Amino acid sequence: MIERLLPAYVSCAATREVTVTDGTLFPEEEELIARSVPKRRNDFATARACARRAMAELGLEPVAVLHGKRGMPLWPEGIVGTLTHCEGYRAAALARAGDVLSLGIDAEPHAPLPDGVAELVVLPSERERFAGEAGDIHWDRLLFSAKESVFKTWYPLTLTELDFEEADLTFHRGAPEGREGERAGVGSSGRAVEGTFSARLLRTDPAVPPVLEGRWRIEDGIVATALLLRADQREAGAPQCP
């Protein structure tokens, strides 16, 4: 699913399994979650299993994936990457630093946000845009996911916070996929919908273009978003979709 949102030079790996046979952790990783509950351990282990599969596709030996501030994954030198996990989906995306400056992915269940969360995430301008959109997509959850991808792209380049209200997003929707005449809901089995989004940053930093472009997809009950900043984009100052 994530691989459909990113170019071929990005190595992607994903699973819908709760546990995986190649989910053995390095000792350094075990230390990070020694006191974690089983769900946290499973999320951590399966995401890192995906990361090591993506490493293998790039011809890299498997290494521990530790984390820095704000949970930012620490990758081998010359590699940029991002992880995500939610109920029913875990994924990793990695690329060589010569191709990609930064990237972010996020996955969420295709369901409304919990009570009170949308008020913290959605700007008035975004709410106005959603008012005229079809009701078969949970736009608040899609927005949340996209802003997570924006933050994951922003943070490694700036090492500063970017709050939800500091990015104003606009979404563009493509035609739903599926068999002709099918009337299943969006994101259900056999039917998917995807599109693009633009993120206008209300907080600026010279390390990041003021507008970022990403892609999104809803399939089998999961919302996925991805955003990529190519190595040449910061200098050019011209955001482009991956």
C-alpha atoms as a PDB file:
ATOM      1  CA  MET A   1       0.000   0.000   0.000  1.00  0.00           C
ATOM      2  CA  ILE A   2       2.705   2.509   1.006  1.00  0.00           C
ATOM      3  CA  GLU A   3       4.805   1.463  -1.991  1.00  0.00           C
ATOM      4  CA  ARG A   4       2.058   2.774  -4.286  1.00  0.00           C
ATOM      5  CA  LEU A   5       2.557   6.272  -2.887  1.00  0.00           C
ATOM      6  CA  LEU A   6       6.337   6.528  -3.313  1.00  0.00           C
ATOM      7  CA  PRO A   7       8.735   6.325  -6.282  1.00  0.00           C
ATOM      8  CA  ALA A   8      10.567   3.123  -7.159  1.00  0.00           C
ATOM      9  CA  TYR A   9      13.887   4.307  -5.713  1.00  0.00           C
ATOM     10  CA  VAL A  10      12.331   4.231  -2.238  1.00  0.00           C
ATOM     11  CA  SER A  11      12.513   0.783  -0.651  1.00  0.00           C
ATOM     12  CA  CYS A  12       9.236  -0.067   1.092  1.00  0.00           C
ATOM     13  CA  ALA A  13       8.190  -3.007   3.235  1.00  0.00           C
ATOM     14  CA  ALA A  14       4.895  -3.527   5.051  1.00  0.00           C
ATOM     15  CA  THR A  15       2.886  -6.127   6.904  1.00  0.00           C
ATOM     16  CA  ARG A  16      -0.628  -6.514   8.252  1.00  0.00           C
ATOM     17  CA  GLU A  17       0.476  -9.202  10.694  1.00  0.00           C
ATOM     18  CA  VAL A  18       0.520  -8.514  14.431  1.00  0.00           C
ATOM     19  CA  THR A  19       3.728 -10.512  14.834  1.00  0.00           C
ATOM     20  CA  VAL A  20       6.279 -11.636  12.257  1.00  0.00           C
ATOM     21  CA  THR A  21       8.779 -14.479  12.195  1.00  0.00           C
ATOM     22  CA  ASP A  22      11.667 -12.113  11.438  1.00  0.00           C
ATOM     23  CA  GLY A  23      10.795  -9.781  14.295  1.00  0.00           C
ATOM     24  CA  THR A  24      13.820 -10.633  16.462  1.00  0.00           C
ATOM     25  CA  LEU A  25      15.276  -7.496  17.989  1.00  0.00           C
ATOM     26  CA  PHE A  26      18.889  -6.478  18.485  1.00  0.00           C
ATOM     27  CA  PRO A  27      19.986  -6.208  22.130  1.00  0.00           C
ATOM     28  CA  GLU A  28      20.105  -2.411  21.861  1.00  0.00           C
ATOM     29  CA  GLU A  29      16.511  -2.388  20.664  1.00  0.00           C
ATOM     30  CA  GLU A  30      15.430  -4.734  23.443  1.00  0.00           C
ATOM     31  CA  GLU A  31      16.746  -2.217  25.956  1.00  0.00           C
ATOM     32  CA  LEU A  32      14.465   0.469  24.556  1.00  0.00           C
ATOM     33  CA  ILE A  33      11.294  -1.525  25.191  1.00  0.00           C
ATOM     34  CA  ALA A  34      12.296  -3.712  28.116  1.00  0.00           C
ATOM     35  CA  ARG A  35       9.379  -2.433  30.205  1.00  0.00           C
ATOM     36  CA  SER A  36       6.851  -2.025  27.410  1.00  0.00           C
ATOM     37  CA  VAL A  37       3.484  -3.748  27.241  1.00  0.00           C
ATOM     38  CA  PRO A  38       3.030  -6.545  24.653  1.00  0.00           C
ATOM     39  CA  LYS A  39       1.233  -4.325  22.123  1.00  0.00           C
ATOM     40  CA  ARG A  40       4.049  -1.781  22.180  1.00  0.00           C
ATOM     41  CA  ARG A  41       6.606  -4.571  21.786  1.00  0.00           C
ATOM     42  CA  ASN A  42       4.736  -6.004  18.790  1.00  0.00           C
ATOM     43  CA  ASP A  43       4.445  -2.610  17.095  1.00  0.00           C
ATOM     44  CA  PHE A  44       8.114  -1.887  17.723  1.00  0.00           C
ATOM     45  CA  ALA A  45       9.320  -5.307  16.527  1.00  0.00           C
ATOM     46  CA  THR A  46       7.164  -5.560  13.407  1.00  0.00           C
ATOM     47  CA  ALA A  47       8.043  -2.025  12.274  1.00  0.00           C
ATOM     48  CA  ARG A  48      11.744  -2.848  12.643  1.00  0.00           C
ATOM     49  CA  ALA A  49      11.294  -6.124  10.799  1.00  0.00           C
ATOM     50  CA  CYS A  50       9.847  -4.054   7.944  1.00  0.00           C
ATOM     51  CA  ALA A  51      12.812  -1.677   8.200  1.00  0.00           C
ATOM     52  CA  ARG A  52      15.304  -4.528   7.870  1.00  0.00           C
ATOM     53  CA  ARG A  53      13.440  -5.934   4.865  1.00  0.00           C
ATOM     54  CA  ALA A  54      13.688  -2.482   3.268  1.00  0.00           C
ATOM     55  CA  MET A  55      17.394  -2.355   4.134  1.00  0.00           C
ATOM     56  CA  ALA A  56      17.922  -5.674   2.358  1.00  0.00           C
ATOM     57  CA  GLU A  57      16.286  -4.311  -0.797  1.00  0.00           C
ATOM     58  CA  LEU A  58      18.877  -1.512  -0.730  1.00  0.00           C
ATOM     59  CA  GLY A  59      21.673  -4.039  -0.348  1.00  0.00           C
ATOM     60  CA  LEU A  60      22.325  -3.172   3.297  1.00  0.00           C
ATOM     61  CA  GLU A  61      23.142  -5.479   6.159  1.00  0.00           C
ATOM     62  CA  PRO A  62      20.522  -5.527   8.957  1.00  0.00           C
ATOM     63  CA  VAL A  63      21.273  -3.168  11.832  1.00  0.00           C
ATOM     64  CA  ALA A  64      19.500  -2.000  14.961  1.00  0.00           C
ATOM     65  CA  VAL A  65      17.105   0.909  14.501  1.00  0.00           C
ATOM     66  CA  LEU A  66      17.265   3.034  17.626  1.00  0.00           C
ATOM     67  CA  HIS A  67      15.594   6.400  18.082  1.00  0.00           C
ATOM     68  CA  GLY A  68      16.506   9.946  18.981  1.00  0.00           C
ATOM     69  CA  LYS A  69      14.417  12.883  20.131  1.00  0.00           C
ATOM     70  CA  ARG A  70      10.677  12.693  19.492  1.00  0.00           C
ATOM     71  CA  GLY A  71      11.101   9.023  18.559  1.00  0.00           C
ATOM     72  CA  MET A  72      12.928   9.857  15.319  1.00  0.00           C
ATOM     73  CA  PRO A  73      14.435   6.625  13.931  1.00  0.00           C
ATOM     74  CA  LEU A  74      18.232   6.638  13.629  1.00  0.00           C
ATOM     75  CA  TRP A  75      19.346   5.159  10.307  1.00  0.00           C
ATOM     76  CA  PRO A  76      22.721   4.022   8.942  1.00  0.00           C
ATOM     77  CA  GLU A  77      24.876   6.769   7.465  1.00  0.00           C
ATOM     78  CA  GLY A  78      23.743   7.744   3.985  1.00  0.00           C
ATOM     79  CA  ILE A  79      20.182   6.437   4.529  1.00  0.00           C
ATOM     80  CA  VAL A  80      16.977   8.328   5.261  1.00  0.00           C
ATOM     81  CA  GLY A  81      13.809   6.600   6.310  1.00  0.00           C
ATOM     82  CA  THR A  82      10.543   6.561   8.193  1.00  0.00           C
ATOM     83  CA  LEU A  83       8.356   4.075  10.073  1.00  0.00           C
ATOM     84  CA  THR A  84       4.680   3.788  10.867  1.00  0.00           C
ATOM     85  CA  HIS A  85       2.438   1.380  12.736  1.00  0.00           C
ATOM     86  CA  CYS A  86      -1.227   1.219  13.578  1.00  0.00           C
ATOM     87  CA  GLU A  87      -3.779  -1.487  14.253  1.00  0.00           C
ATOM     88  CA  GLY A  88      -3.616  -3.731  11.196  1.00  0.00           C
ATOM     89  CA  TYR A  89      -0.672  -2.187   9.373  1.00  0.00           C
ATOM     90  CA  ARG A  90       3.070  -1.609   9.878  1.00  0.00           C
ATOM     91  CA  ALA A  91       5.496  -0.232   7.312  1.00  0.00           C
ATOM     92  CA  ALA A  92       8.928   1.205   6.649  1.00  0.00           C
ATOM     93  CA  ALA A  93      10.261   3.298   3.766  1.00  0.00           C
ATOM     94  CA  LEU A  94      13.983   3.864   3.192  1.00  0.00           C
ATOM     95  CA  ALA A  95      16.040   5.606   0.530  1.00  0.00           C
ATOM     96  CA  ARG A  96      19.576   6.723  -0.105  1.00  0.00           C
ATOM     97  CA  ALA A  97      20.389  10.264   1.000  1.00  0.00           C
ATOM     98  CA  GLY A  98      21.673  11.039  -2.485  1.00  0.00           C
ATOM     99  CA  ASP A  99      18.128  10.599  -3.790  1.00  0.00           C
ATOM    100  CA  VAL A 100      15.964  11.764  -0.901  1.00  0.00           C
ATOM    101  CA  LEU A 101      16.422  14.581   1.566  1.00  0.00           C
ATOM    102  CA  SER A 102      13.635  13.464   3.891  1.00  0.00           C
ATOM    103  CA  LEU A 103      10.427  11.467   3.806  1.00  0.00           C
ATOM    104  CA  GLY A 104       7.497  10.629   6.036  1.00  0.00           C
ATOM    105  CA  ILE A 105       4.820   7.958   5.988  1.00  0.00           C
ATOM    106  CA  ASP A 106       1.850   7.333   8.245  1.00  0.00           C
ATOM    107  CA  ALA A 107      -0.939   4.781   8.495  1.00  0.00           C
ATOM    108  CA  GLU A 108      -4.154   4.997  10.485  1.00  0.00           C
ATOM    109  CA  PRO A 109      -7.414   3.052  10.736  1.00  0.00           C
ATOM    110  CA  HIS A 110     -10.033   4.506   8.396  1.00  0.00           C
ATOM    111  CA  ALA A 111     -12.360   5.650  11.156  1.00  0.00           C
ATOM    112  CA  PRO A 112     -13.320   8.982  12.743  1.00  0.00           C
ATOM    113  CA  LEU A 113     -10.852  10.532  15.144  1.00  0.00           C
ATOM    114  CA  PRO A 114     -11.626  10.099  18.847  1.00  0.00           C
ATOM    115  CA  ASP A 115     -13.820  12.752  20.419  1.00  0.00           C
ATOM    116  CA  GLY A 116     -12.017  16.028  20.947  1.00  0.00           C
ATOM    117  CA  VAL A 117      -9.030  15.259  18.722  1.00  0.00           C
ATOM    118  CA  ALA A 118     -10.309  16.922  15.544  1.00  0.00           C
ATOM    119  CA  GLU A 119     -10.564  20.256  17.356  1.00  0.00           C
ATOM    120  CA  LEU A 120      -6.825  20.060  18.029  1.00  0.00           C
ATOM    121  CA  VAL A 121      -5.861  19.011  14.510  1.00  0.00           C
ATOM    122  CA  VAL A 122      -8.186  20.649  11.972  1.00  0.00           C
ATOM    123  CA  LEU A 123      -7.817  24.329  11.062  1.00  0.00           C
ATOM    124  CA  PRO A 124     -10.964  26.384  10.287  1.00  0.00           C
ATOM    125  CA  SER A 125      -9.818  26.709   6.659  1.00  0.00           C
ATOM    126  CA  GLU A 126      -9.465  22.925   6.391  1.00  0.00           C
ATOM    127  CA  ARG A 127     -12.867  22.351   7.970  1.00  0.00           C
ATOM    128  CA  GLU A 128     -14.455  24.637   5.364  1.00  0.00           C
ATOM    129  CA  ARG A 129     -12.874  22.617   2.541  1.00  0.00           C
ATOM    130  CA  PHE A 130     -14.119  19.328   3.991  1.00  0.00           C
ATOM    131  CA  ALA A 131     -17.676  20.665   4.275  1.00  0.00           C
ATOM    132  CA  GLY A 132     -18.297  20.108   0.575  1.00  0.00           C
ATOM    133  CA  GLU A 133     -16.562  16.723   0.308  1.00  0.00           C
ATOM    134  CA  ALA A 134     -18.205  13.329   0.024  1.00  0.00           C
ATOM    135  CA  GLY A 135     -19.007  11.613   3.314  1.00  0.00           C
ATOM    136  CA  ASP A 136     -17.519   8.216   2.408  1.00  0.00           C
ATOM    137  CA  ILE A 137     -14.060   9.321   3.571  1.00  0.00           C
ATOM    138  CA  HIS A 138     -13.182  10.155   7.160  1.00  0.00           C
ATOM    139  CA  TRP A 139     -11.440  13.380   6.239  1.00  0.00           C
ATOM    140  CA  ASP A 140     -10.440  14.170   9.813  1.00  0.00           C
ATOM    141  CA  ARG A 141      -8.466  10.919  10.050  1.00  0.00           C
ATOM    142  CA  LEU A 142      -6.926  11.456   6.617  1.00  0.00           C
ATOM    143  CA  LEU A 143      -5.874  14.948   7.673  1.00  0.00           C
ATOM    144  CA  PHE A 144      -4.363  13.636  10.900  1.00  0.00           C
ATOM    145  CA  SER A 145      -2.345  11.046   8.988  1.00  0.00           C
ATOM    146  CA  ALA A 146      -1.123  13.553   6.415  1.00  0.00           C
ATOM    147  CA  LYS A 147       0.003  15.967   9.133  1.00  0.00           C
ATOM    148  CA  GLU A 148       1.899  13.109  10.791  1.00  0.00           C
ATOM    149  CA  SER A 149       3.704  12.522   7.481  1.00  0.00           C
ATOM    150  CA  VAL A 150       4.440  16.240   7.221  1.00  0.00           C
ATOM    151  CA  PHE A 151       5.952  16.254  10.709  1.00  0.00           C
ATOM    152  CA  LYS A 152       8.062  13.159  10.002  1.00  0.00           C
ATOM    153  CA  THR A 153       9.468  14.904   6.935  1.00  0.00           C
ATOM    154  CA  TRP A 154       9.996  18.230   8.708  1.00  0.00           C
ATOM    155  CA  TYR A 155      11.574  17.122  11.977  1.00  0.00           C
ATOM    156  CA  PRO A 156      14.773  15.389  10.779  1.00  0.00           C
ATOM    157  CA  LEU A 157      15.685  18.501   8.789  1.00  0.00           C
ATOM    158  CA  THR A 158      14.947  21.099  11.474  1.00  0.00           C
ATOM    159  CA  LEU A 159      14.966  19.258  14.829  1.00  0.00           C
ATOM    160  CA  THR A 160      12.172  21.620  15.851  1.00  0.00           C
ATOM    161  CA  GLU A 161       8.485  21.043  16.563  1.00  0.00           C
ATOM    162  CA  LEU A 162       5.737  21.602  14.025  1.00  0.00           C
ATOM    163  CA  ASP A 163       2.305  21.664  15.617  1.00  0.00           C
ATOM    164  CA  PHE A 164      -0.818  20.447  13.854  1.00  0.00           C
ATOM    165  CA  GLU A 165      -2.060  24.006  13.425  1.00  0.00           C
ATOM    166  CA  GLU A 166       1.174  25.051  11.709  1.00  0.00           C
ATOM    167  CA  ALA A 167       0.376  23.278   8.445  1.00  0.00           C
ATOM    168  CA  ASP A 168      -2.654  24.036   6.268  1.00  0.00           C
ATOM    169  CA  LEU A 169      -3.574  21.078   4.058  1.00  0.00           C
ATOM    170  CA  THR A 170      -5.575  20.826   0.855  1.00  0.00           C
ATOM    171  CA  PHE A 171      -6.613  17.431  -0.535  1.00  0.00           C
ATOM    172  CA  HIS A 172      -7.331  16.304  -4.088  1.00  0.00           C
ATOM    173  CA  ARG A 173      -9.204  13.071  -4.670  1.00  0.00           C
ATOM    174  CA  GLY A 174      -8.906  10.630  -7.550  1.00  0.00           C
ATOM    175  CA  ALA A 175     -11.576   8.227  -8.778  1.00  0.00           C
ATOM    176  CA  PRO A 176     -12.286   5.186  -6.581  1.00  0.00           C
ATOM    177  CA  GLU A 177     -10.835   1.896  -7.770  1.00  0.00           C
ATOM    178  CA  GLY A 178     -12.920  -1.254  -7.984  1.00  0.00           C
ATOM    179  CA  ARG A 179     -15.090  -3.319 -10.258  1.00  0.00           C
ATOM    180  CA  GLU A 180     -17.621  -1.510 -12.401  1.00  0.00           C
ATOM    181  CA  GLY A 181     -20.885  -1.157 -10.558  1.00  0.00           C
ATOM    182  CA  GLU A 182     -19.392  -2.117  -7.210  1.00  0.00           C
ATOM    183  CA  ARG A 183     -21.081  -0.294  -4.358  1.00  0.00           C
ATOM    184  CA  ALA A 184     -18.824  -1.275  -1.452  1.00  0.00           C
ATOM    185  CA  GLY A 185     -17.711   1.584   0.756  1.00  0.00           C
ATOM    186  CA  VAL A 186     -14.411   3.341   0.185  1.00  0.00           C
ATOM    187  CA  GLY A 187     -11.510   1.508   1.753  1.00  0.00           C
ATOM    188  CA  SER A 188     -13.329  -1.818   2.010  1.00  0.00           C
ATOM    189  CA  SER A 189     -12.107  -5.025   0.434  1.00  0.00           C
ATOM    190  CA  GLY A 190     -11.729  -4.739  -3.341  1.00  0.00           C
ATOM    191  CA  ARG A 191     -12.144  -0.976  -3.460  1.00  0.00           C
ATOM    192  CA  ALA A 192      -9.673   1.821  -2.865  1.00  0.00           C
ATOM    193  CA  VAL A 193      -9.371   5.533  -3.422  1.00  0.00           C
ATOM    194  CA  GLU A 194      -6.311   7.723  -3.529  1.00  0.00           C
ATOM    195  CA  GLY A 195      -5.227  11.259  -4.274  1.00  0.00           C
ATOM    196  CA  THR A 196      -2.719  13.967  -3.485  1.00  0.00           C
ATOM    197  CA  PHE A 197      -2.378  16.693  -0.883  1.00  0.00           C
ATOM    198  CA  SER A 198      -0.565  19.991  -0.488  1.00  0.00           C
ATOM    199  CA  ALA A 199       0.752  21.191   2.870  1.00  0.00           C
ATOM    200  CA  ARG A 200       1.330  24.920   3.200  1.00  0.00           C
ATOM    201  CA  LEU A 201       3.634  25.405   6.162  1.00  0.00           C
ATOM    202  CA  LEU A 202       2.633  28.288   8.420  1.00  0.00           C
ATOM    203  CA  ARG A 203       5.952  28.000  10.212  1.00  0.00           C
ATOM    204  CA  THR A 204       8.954  28.312   7.929  1.00  0.00           C
ATOM    205  CA  ASP A 205      12.516  27.083   8.081  1.00  0.00           C
ATOM    206  CA  PRO A 206      15.239  27.458   5.417  1.00  0.00           C
ATOM    207  CA  ALA A 207      15.765  23.695   5.500  1.00  0.00           C
ATOM    208  CA  VAL A 208      12.256  22.957   4.195  1.00  0.00           C
ATOM    209  CA  PRO A 209      10.269  24.375   1.242  1.00  0.00           C
ATOM    210  CA  PRO A 210       7.187  26.369   2.302  1.00  0.00           C
ATOM    211  CA  VAL A 211       4.845  23.990   0.455  1.00  0.00           C
ATOM    212  CA  LEU A 212       5.110  20.209   0.505  1.00  0.00           C
ATOM    213  CA  GLU A 213       3.302  17.779  -1.767  1.00  0.00           C
ATOM    214  CA  GLY A 214       2.245  14.275  -0.806  1.00  0.00           C
ATOM    215  CA  ARG A 215      -0.023  11.385  -1.715  1.00  0.00           C
ATOM    216  CA  TRP A 216      -2.679   9.388   0.117  1.00  0.00           C
ATOM    217  CA  ARG A 217      -4.582   6.136  -0.281  1.00  0.00           C
ATOM    218  CA  ILE A 218      -7.429   4.387   1.537  1.00  0.00           C
ATOM    219  CA  GLU A 219      -7.682   0.622   1.151  1.00  0.00           C
ATOM    220  CA  ASP A 220      -8.947  -2.299   3.239  1.00  0.00           C
ATOM    221  CA  GLY A 221      -9.821  -0.091   6.195  1.00  0.00           C
ATOM    222  CA  ILE A 222      -6.445   1.694   6.352  1.00  0.00           C
ATOM    223  CA  VAL A 223      -5.550   5.307   5.567  1.00  0.00           C
ATOM    224  CA  ALA A 224      -1.962   5.740   4.352  1.00  0.00           C
ATOM    225  CA  THR A 225      -0.130   8.955   3.528  1.00  0.00           C
ATOM    226  CA  ALA A 226       3.358   9.625   2.222  1.00  0.00           C
ATOM    227  CA  LEU A 227       5.447  12.696   1.598  1.00  0.00           C
ATOM    228  CA  LEU A 228       8.894  12.853   0.012  1.00  0.00           C
ATOM    229  CA  LEU A 229      11.372  15.686  -0.354  1.00  0.00           C
ATOM    230  CA  ARG A 230      13.927  14.942  -3.044  1.00  0.00           C
ATOM    231  CA  ALA A 231      17.559  15.818  -2.497  1.00  0.00           C
ATOM    232  CA  ASP A 232      17.383  18.551  -5.143  1.00  0.00           C
ATOM    233  CA  GLN A 233      14.119  20.132  -4.008  1.00  0.00           C
ATOM    234  CA  ARG A 234      15.419  22.247  -1.142  1.00  0.00           C
ATOM    235  CA  GLU A 235      17.862  24.008  -3.437  1.00  0.00           C
ATOM    236  CA  ALA A 236      15.307  24.364  -6.237  1.00  0.00           C
ATOM    237  CA  GLY A 237      12.547  25.478  -3.893  1.00  0.00           C
ATOM    238  CA  ALA A 238       9.955  23.811  -6.085  1.00  0.00           C
ATOM    239  CA  PRO A 239       7.884  21.161  -4.279  1.00  0.00           C
ATOM    240  CA  GLN A 240       6.819  18.219  -6.383  1.00  0.00           C
ATOM    241  CA  CYS A 241       4.792  15.062  -5.829  1.00  0.00           C
ATOM    242  CA  PRO A 242       6.864  11.885  -5.483  1.00  0.00           C
END
